Structure formats: structure tokens, C-alpha cells
């Protein structure tokens, strides 16, 4: 009897030790990853910028600041490229420099959109949206990266449908999207050379998608910054070795060359980031050199014009 009780006690003790070990492993794989990677960063932001981060205006300020910093860098490169061969050799159209009139026109539309669309939306958000709750724990690195990827996939699908529709329906194209196609060779400031409706659509999805996926606020801000970065990169007109399309394998990321091809051949490459929807929809095209696609560009522009005139 005593031996039976000893076996039961030993079994109970072994089970308790096993549970303790599993809990320790779980803490090591989950909680420790917080503490070792993102938690110190989150603690610093939480303690030193608490009021700023809780403000409903912060996401707007973050996105707008990121955009103008990136555009400023790319515009400086555009102005230096004609006299700096080390920069110009990475341009998709090295023989067609970005001019000051191009810069002033696109910058004027960008500023107009920010004053009459983004600024009023920001004020409304500041007045009616409650402060952002800041949880004490940071997301795990895995959750942070997976959340950004999930938001990018959802956003990519949303804009693919919007973009396809606004090319297929002549009235939508003429009324809301044609302004973006006034430049056949895009540069960074063309990113937000948009109608108010298109800017609203893009901003709405960028705001709502992290909410739908229930992302941590740090993940939400990371997605917003990354979204602005890759959107600007898509329009920058450069093929740098570190660009996303050169880092993501198997041609899964379109990048600047494919979006440049879309501006030359408007019936192709509708997805903003990934390539899979254009593959599935039969709208994928391979970018070609600037001089080699002139006849194809002319044919596609005639086709696009025919669509608009038929309405």
C-alpha cells in the first residue's frame, strides 16, 4: 500500500514538474521574445511619448512625415541623377530626367490634397475618435511581422479590385484615376498625384485593415510606415539592388519596374505590391527597357483612350 502511495506521489510530482517545464518553455518562446526584442522599445515609447502616441492625430502625422521624408530623398536623387552617373544608372528611364516643372506640378497637387482632404479628416479624427489605448505589453516579433504582412495582403487585394474597376469603367477612370496617369514614367511625387477619392480610398483601407485584423497599435504604425515606404518605392523610378522586388524571391513582389510598366501599359499590373493577383487575372506583364516598349505603350494608350471615349 505504501509502495502504491509512493508511486502516486512520484507520478504527481513528475506531472507537476512537467507542467512547470512546459510553462517555462512557453515563457521563453513567448514572453522572453517580448522582453528581448520589442518590449524595451515599447517601454521607452510608452514612458517617454505616452501622450503623443495616444493622440488620434499621431497616425496621420506619422504617415505624412514618412511620406515627405521619402519624397524629399527621392527628389534630391532625381535632381542629382543627370550629373551623377552613379545615381542615374539605377533610373528606369535614365534618358528622361525629372524636371522642376514636373516637381512643382505634382507637389502642388500633393499639398492641395493634404490641405483640403487629409487635414480636415485629421481634425475630424482628433475631435471624434477616442485616444488610442496603449497596452503594457509589446507584440511579439512574430506577431508584429505577421500583422504587417497580413495588412499588406489585404490592402493589396482591396486596391487591386479598386484599380481594376477604375480602369475597366471609363467614367470612373476619367473622373477619378486619369490624373494619376498623366505621367508615363512615374517619379516619387507621382505617388500621391491623385484625385481626392483615390486618396480617401487608400487612406481608409490603411486605417481600417489593422483594426479588422486586430493588430497591436505598434504593428499598426509599422504597417502604415511600411505601406508608405513601398508605395513611394513603387513610383520612385529607380531599380536599386535593395528594392523590395529585388529582395522578395520568385517575382512575388512587383515593385517599381512593374508599376512603371503599368504607367506605360495601363491595361496591366494592377496590383500595388504583390504579383499573384495579376498572374491569376491575366493582367501581368514583364517590364521592358524604356526604348523597347514605345510601340506597346502607344497601342495601350490608344486602347485606354478608346475606352474613355466610348463612355
Protein backbone atom coordinates (compact mmCIF):
# COMPACT_ATOMS: atom_id res chain seq x y z
CA UNK A 1 0.00 0.00 0.00
CA UNK A 2 2.84 2.30 0.94
CA UNK A 3 4.54 1.48 -2.38
CA UNK A 4 1.35 2.37 -4.25
CA UNK A 5 1.12 5.72 -2.49
CA UNK A 6 4.79 6.35 -3.25
CA UNK A 7 4.21 5.67 -6.94
CA UNK A 8 1.20 8.01 -6.97
CA UNK A 9 3.20 10.73 -5.21
CA UNK A 10 6.08 10.30 -7.63
CA UNK A 11 3.67 10.42 -10.58
CA UNK A 12 2.03 13.57 -9.24
CA UNK A 13 5.41 15.18 -8.67
CA UNK A 14 6.58 14.25 -12.16
CA UNK A 15 3.40 15.70 -13.70
CA UNK A 16 3.87 18.93 -11.73
CA UNK A 17 7.48 19.21 -12.84
CA UNK A 18 6.48 18.59 -16.46
CA UNK A 19 3.84 21.32 -16.31
CA UNK A 20 6.35 23.70 -14.78
CA UNK A 21 8.85 22.89 -17.52
CA UNK A 22 6.26 23.45 -20.28
CA UNK A 23 5.27 26.76 -18.71
CA UNK A 24 8.92 27.81 -18.59
CA UNK A 25 9.39 26.86 -22.25
CA UNK A 26 6.25 28.80 -23.18
CA UNK A 27 7.50 31.85 -21.32
CA UNK A 28 10.88 31.53 -23.00
CA UNK A 29 9.39 31.33 -26.50
CA UNK A 30 6.69 33.94 -25.95
CA UNK A 31 7.31 36.33 -23.09
CA UNK A 32 11.09 36.36 -23.46
CA UNK A 33 10.79 37.27 -27.10
CA UNK A 34 8.80 40.34 -26.00
CA UNK A 35 11.42 41.34 -23.48
CA UNK A 36 14.40 40.68 -25.75
CA UNK A 37 13.15 42.24 -28.98
CA UNK A 38 10.27 44.74 -28.97
CA UNK A 39 9.45 45.20 -25.28
CA UNK A 40 12.36 47.58 -24.47
CA UNK A 41 11.43 49.73 -27.48
CA UNK A 42 7.77 49.72 -26.49
CA UNK A 43 8.61 50.52 -22.85
CA UNK A 44 10.68 53.51 -23.96
CA UNK A 45 7.91 54.83 -26.22
CA UNK A 46 5.29 54.15 -23.57
CA UNK A 47 7.19 56.01 -20.84
CA UNK A 48 8.55 58.96 -22.83
CA UNK A 49 5.94 59.62 -25.53
CA UNK A 50 2.74 58.39 -23.92
CA UNK A 51 0.55 61.40 -24.71
CA UNK A 52 1.83 61.70 -28.29
CA UNK A 53 1.19 58.04 -29.07
CA UNK A 54 -2.34 58.13 -27.64
CA UNK A 55 -3.34 61.12 -29.76
CA UNK A 56 -5.70 60.31 -32.67
CA UNK A 57 -3.52 62.64 -34.75
CA UNK A 58 -0.38 60.54 -34.32
CA UNK A 59 -1.04 58.03 -37.16
CA UNK A 60 -1.73 60.90 -39.56
CA UNK A 61 1.42 62.79 -38.54
CA UNK A 62 3.47 59.57 -38.79
CA UNK A 63 2.23 58.74 -42.30
CA UNK A 64 2.52 62.29 -43.66
CA UNK A 65 6.00 62.79 -42.18
CA UNK A 66 7.21 59.45 -43.55
CA UNK A 67 5.88 60.32 -46.99
CA UNK A 68 7.51 63.74 -47.25
CA UNK A 69 10.85 62.49 -45.89
CA UNK A 70 10.95 59.71 -48.51
CA UNK A 71 9.78 62.00 -51.30
CA UNK A 72 12.44 64.55 -50.28
CA UNK A 73 15.17 61.90 -50.56
CA UNK A 74 13.99 60.61 -53.93
CA UNK A 75 13.53 64.14 -55.31
CA UNK A 76 17.08 65.02 -54.30
CA UNK A 77 18.25 61.92 -56.17
CA UNK A 78 16.17 62.93 -59.19
CA UNK A 79 17.84 66.35 -59.29
CA UNK A 80 21.33 64.90 -58.85
CA UNK A 81 20.90 61.99 -61.28
CA UNK A 82 21.54 63.90 -64.57
CA UNK A 83 25.02 64.90 -63.36
CA UNK A 84 25.79 61.86 -61.19
CA UNK A 85 26.17 58.71 -63.33
CA UNK A 86 26.39 56.58 -60.18
CA UNK A 87 22.75 57.51 -59.43
CA UNK A 88 21.43 57.82 -62.97
CA UNK A 89 22.40 54.25 -63.86
CA UNK A 90 19.75 52.97 -61.44
CA UNK A 91 16.94 55.01 -63.01
CA UNK A 92 14.41 53.08 -65.07
CA UNK A 93 14.48 55.90 -67.66
CA UNK A 94 17.96 57.42 -67.43
CA UNK A 95 17.42 59.41 -70.61
CA UNK A 96 14.31 61.17 -69.26
CA UNK A 97 15.24 63.32 -66.25
CA UNK A 98 12.71 64.66 -63.76
CA UNK A 99 12.35 68.40 -64.33
CA UNK A 100 11.45 71.24 -62.00
CA UNK A 101 8.05 71.76 -63.71
CA UNK A 102 7.28 68.07 -63.02
CA UNK A 103 8.19 68.59 -59.39
CA UNK A 104 6.16 71.78 -58.88
CA UNK A 105 3.03 70.41 -60.57
CA UNK A 106 2.95 67.15 -58.61
CA UNK A 107 3.94 68.87 -55.37
CA UNK A 108 1.15 71.40 -55.87
CA UNK A 109 -1.48 68.66 -56.19
CA UNK A 110 0.00 66.84 -53.18
CA UNK A 111 -0.16 69.94 -50.99
CA UNK A 112 -3.69 70.68 -52.21
CA UNK A 113 -4.81 67.15 -51.28
CA UNK A 114 -3.24 67.42 -47.84
CA UNK A 115 -4.83 70.79 -47.13
CA UNK A 116 -8.34 70.01 -48.39
CA UNK A 117 -8.67 66.27 -47.72
CA UNK A 118 -6.11 64.93 -45.23
CA UNK A 119 -6.13 67.93 -42.87
CA UNK A 120 -9.95 68.02 -42.47
CA UNK A 121 -10.00 64.24 -41.97
CA UNK A 122 -7.28 64.57 -39.34
CA UNK A 123 -9.21 67.27 -37.49
CA UNK A 124 -12.37 65.14 -37.54
CA UNK A 125 -10.40 62.19 -36.21
CA UNK A 126 -8.92 64.34 -33.45
CA UNK A 127 -12.38 65.60 -32.43
CA UNK A 128 -14.38 62.39 -32.55
CA UNK A 129 -12.00 59.46 -32.21
CA UNK A 130 -11.05 58.47 -28.63
CA UNK A 131 -7.37 58.32 -27.62
CA UNK A 132 -5.55 55.16 -28.63
CA UNK A 133 -5.27 52.65 -25.76
CA UNK A 134 -1.66 51.64 -25.13
CA UNK A 135 -1.34 48.09 -23.77
CA UNK A 136 1.58 47.49 -21.38
CA UNK A 137 2.95 44.60 -23.44
CA UNK A 138 4.54 44.89 -26.87
CA UNK A 139 3.60 42.42 -29.60
CA UNK A 140 5.95 39.53 -30.19
CA UNK A 141 8.27 39.96 -33.12
CA UNK A 142 6.39 37.19 -34.95
CA UNK A 143 3.04 38.87 -34.31
CA UNK A 144 4.46 42.24 -35.40
CA UNK A 145 5.81 40.93 -38.72
CA UNK A 146 2.83 38.67 -39.42
CA UNK A 147 0.42 41.54 -38.70
CA UNK A 148 2.19 43.81 -41.18
CA UNK A 149 2.22 41.05 -43.79
CA UNK A 150 -1.49 40.37 -43.24
CA UNK A 151 -2.38 44.04 -43.63
CA UNK A 152 -0.28 44.25 -46.79
CA UNK A 153 -2.00 41.21 -48.32
CA UNK A 154 -5.48 42.57 -47.53
CA UNK A 155 -4.62 46.08 -48.75
CA UNK A 156 -3.09 44.65 -51.93
CA UNK A 157 -6.32 42.77 -52.74
CA UNK A 158 -8.52 45.78 -51.99
CA UNK A 159 -6.53 48.12 -54.18
CA UNK A 160 -6.23 45.55 -56.98
CA UNK A 161 -10.04 45.41 -57.23
CA UNK A 162 -10.38 49.20 -56.95
CA UNK A 163 -7.65 49.76 -59.54
CA UNK A 164 -9.03 47.19 -61.98
CA UNK A 165 -12.54 48.65 -61.69
CA UNK A 166 -11.32 52.20 -62.26
CA UNK A 167 -9.55 51.13 -65.44
CA UNK A 168 -12.37 48.98 -66.78
CA UNK A 169 -15.18 51.53 -66.27
CA UNK A 170 -14.45 54.58 -68.47
CA UNK A 171 -16.38 57.08 -66.31
CA UNK A 172 -14.51 56.01 -63.17
CA UNK A 173 -11.19 56.23 -64.98
CA UNK A 174 -11.86 59.66 -66.44
CA UNK A 175 -13.34 61.10 -63.24
CA UNK A 176 -11.08 59.68 -60.53
CA UNK A 177 -7.97 57.92 -61.84
CA UNK A 178 -6.84 59.56 -65.07
CA UNK A 179 -4.91 62.28 -63.22
CA UNK A 180 -2.52 59.64 -61.85
CA UNK A 181 -1.69 58.53 -65.40
CA UNK A 182 -0.65 61.92 -66.71
CA UNK A 183 2.95 60.75 -66.21
CA UNK A 184 4.06 57.71 -68.21
CA UNK A 185 7.35 57.50 -66.29
CA UNK A 186 6.47 57.93 -62.63
CA UNK A 187 8.73 59.51 -60.02
CA UNK A 188 8.26 59.70 -56.26
CA UNK A 189 5.92 62.71 -56.18
CA UNK A 190 3.52 60.89 -58.52
CA UNK A 191 2.72 58.56 -55.59
CA UNK A 192 0.10 60.98 -54.26
CA UNK A 193 -0.63 62.76 -57.52
CA UNK A 194 -4.18 61.51 -57.09
CA UNK A 195 -7.81 62.53 -57.02
CA UNK A 196 -9.37 63.09 -53.61
CA UNK A 197 -11.48 59.94 -53.99
CA UNK A 198 -8.46 57.73 -54.61
CA UNK A 199 -6.56 59.30 -51.73
CA UNK A 200 -9.55 58.74 -49.44
CA UNK A 201 -9.86 55.09 -50.53
CA UNK A 202 -6.20 54.36 -49.89
CA UNK A 203 -6.23 56.14 -46.53
CA UNK A 204 -9.44 54.38 -45.47
CA UNK A 205 -8.03 50.89 -46.10
CA UNK A 206 -4.72 51.73 -44.43
CA UNK A 207 -6.67 52.80 -41.35
CA UNK A 208 -9.30 50.06 -41.25
CA UNK A 209 -7.26 46.97 -42.18
CA UNK A 210 -5.22 46.84 -38.94
CA UNK A 211 -8.48 47.22 -36.99
CA UNK A 212 -10.07 44.32 -38.89
CA UNK A 213 -7.03 42.14 -38.18
CA UNK A 214 -6.97 43.29 -34.53
CA UNK A 215 -3.36 44.40 -34.70
CA UNK A 216 -1.41 45.85 -31.78
CA UNK A 217 -1.03 49.62 -32.16
CA UNK A 218 2.74 49.22 -32.67
CA UNK A 219 2.01 46.79 -35.52
CA UNK A 220 -0.50 49.28 -36.96
CA UNK A 221 2.09 52.05 -37.03
CA UNK A 222 4.68 49.71 -38.51
CA UNK A 223 2.24 48.80 -41.28
CA UNK A 224 1.50 52.46 -42.01
CA UNK A 225 5.18 53.34 -42.32
CA UNK A 226 5.96 50.28 -44.45
CA UNK A 227 2.93 50.90 -46.66
CA UNK A 228 4.05 54.47 -47.35
CA UNK A 229 7.61 53.27 -47.96
CA UNK A 230 6.73 50.62 -50.56
CA UNK A 231 4.11 52.85 -52.21
CA UNK A 232 6.74 55.55 -52.69
CA UNK A 233 9.28 52.98 -53.83
CA UNK A 234 6.79 51.69 -56.44
CA UNK A 235 6.68 55.15 -58.01
CA UNK A 236 10.29 56.24 -57.42
CA UNK A 237 11.52 55.30 -60.91
CA UNK A 238 14.64 53.52 -59.61
CA UNK A 239 15.78 49.91 -59.64
CA UNK A 240 18.09 49.82 -56.63
CA UNK A 241 19.63 46.49 -55.53
CA UNK A 242 17.95 46.82 -52.11
CA UNK A 243 14.47 47.48 -53.53
CA UNK A 244 11.73 45.12 -52.38
CA UNK A 245 11.30 43.45 -55.77
CA UNK A 246 14.99 42.52 -55.69
CA UNK A 247 14.74 41.11 -52.15
CA UNK A 248 11.50 39.10 -52.39
CA UNK A 249 12.14 35.90 -54.40
CA UNK A 250 10.24 34.25 -57.26
CA UNK A 251 8.93 37.54 -58.66
CA UNK A 252 6.25 37.70 -55.94
CA UNK A 253 6.76 41.45 -55.49
CA UNK A 254 6.09 43.77 -58.41
CA UNK A 255 7.97 46.87 -57.32
CA UNK A 256 8.99 49.93 -59.31
CA UNK A 257 9.66 48.18 -62.66
CA UNK A 258 6.21 46.59 -62.82
CA UNK A 259 4.40 49.73 -61.73
CA UNK A 260 6.41 51.72 -64.23
CA UNK A 261 5.24 49.23 -66.86
CA UNK A 262 1.66 49.83 -65.71
CA UNK A 263 2.03 53.55 -66.39
CA UNK A 264 3.32 52.72 -69.87
CA UNK A 265 0.79 49.93 -70.50
CA UNK A 266 -2.26 50.89 -68.39
CA UNK A 267 -4.11 47.62 -69.00
CA UNK A 268 -1.57 45.60 -66.99
CA UNK A 269 -0.08 45.22 -63.49
CA UNK A 270 -2.96 46.50 -61.37
CA UNK A 271 -1.82 45.13 -58.00
CA UNK A 272 0.17 47.70 -55.99
CA UNK A 273 2.63 45.33 -54.33
CA UNK A 274 2.37 41.57 -54.89
CA UNK A 275 2.20 39.85 -58.28
CA UNK A 276 -0.17 36.95 -57.64
CA UNK A 277 -3.43 38.76 -58.47
CA UNK A 278 -2.10 39.93 -61.82
CA UNK A 279 -0.90 36.39 -62.52
CA UNK A 280 -4.33 34.97 -61.71
CA UNK A 281 -6.21 37.74 -63.52
CA UNK A 282 -4.11 37.57 -66.68
CA UNK A 283 -3.03 41.20 -66.28
CA UNK A 284 0.63 40.59 -65.53
CA UNK A 285 3.27 42.00 -67.87
CA UNK A 286 7.05 41.86 -67.72
CA UNK A 287 8.81 45.24 -67.59
CA UNK A 288 10.93 46.10 -70.61
CA UNK A 289 13.58 48.70 -71.28
CA UNK A 290 12.45 52.27 -71.84
CA UNK A 291 13.05 52.33 -75.57
CA UNK A 292 11.77 48.83 -76.27
CA UNK A 293 8.20 49.36 -75.13
CA UNK A 294 7.37 52.54 -77.05
CA UNK A 295 5.13 50.89 -79.64
CA UNK A 296 3.40 48.78 -77.00
CA UNK A 297 2.91 51.87 -74.88
CA UNK A 298 1.32 53.72 -77.79
CA UNK A 299 -1.06 50.85 -78.51
CA UNK A 300 -2.13 50.59 -74.88
CA UNK A 301 -2.64 54.32 -74.55
CA UNK A 302 -4.80 54.25 -77.69
CA UNK A 303 -6.79 51.38 -76.19
CA UNK A 304 -7.18 53.29 -72.91
CA UNK A 305 -8.27 56.42 -74.80
CA UNK A 306 -10.78 54.35 -76.76
CA UNK A 307 -12.28 53.11 -73.50
CA UNK A 308 -12.64 56.67 -72.22
CA UNK A 309 -14.12 57.97 -75.48
CA UNK A 310 -16.65 55.17 -75.63
CA UNK A 311 -18.41 56.38 -72.49
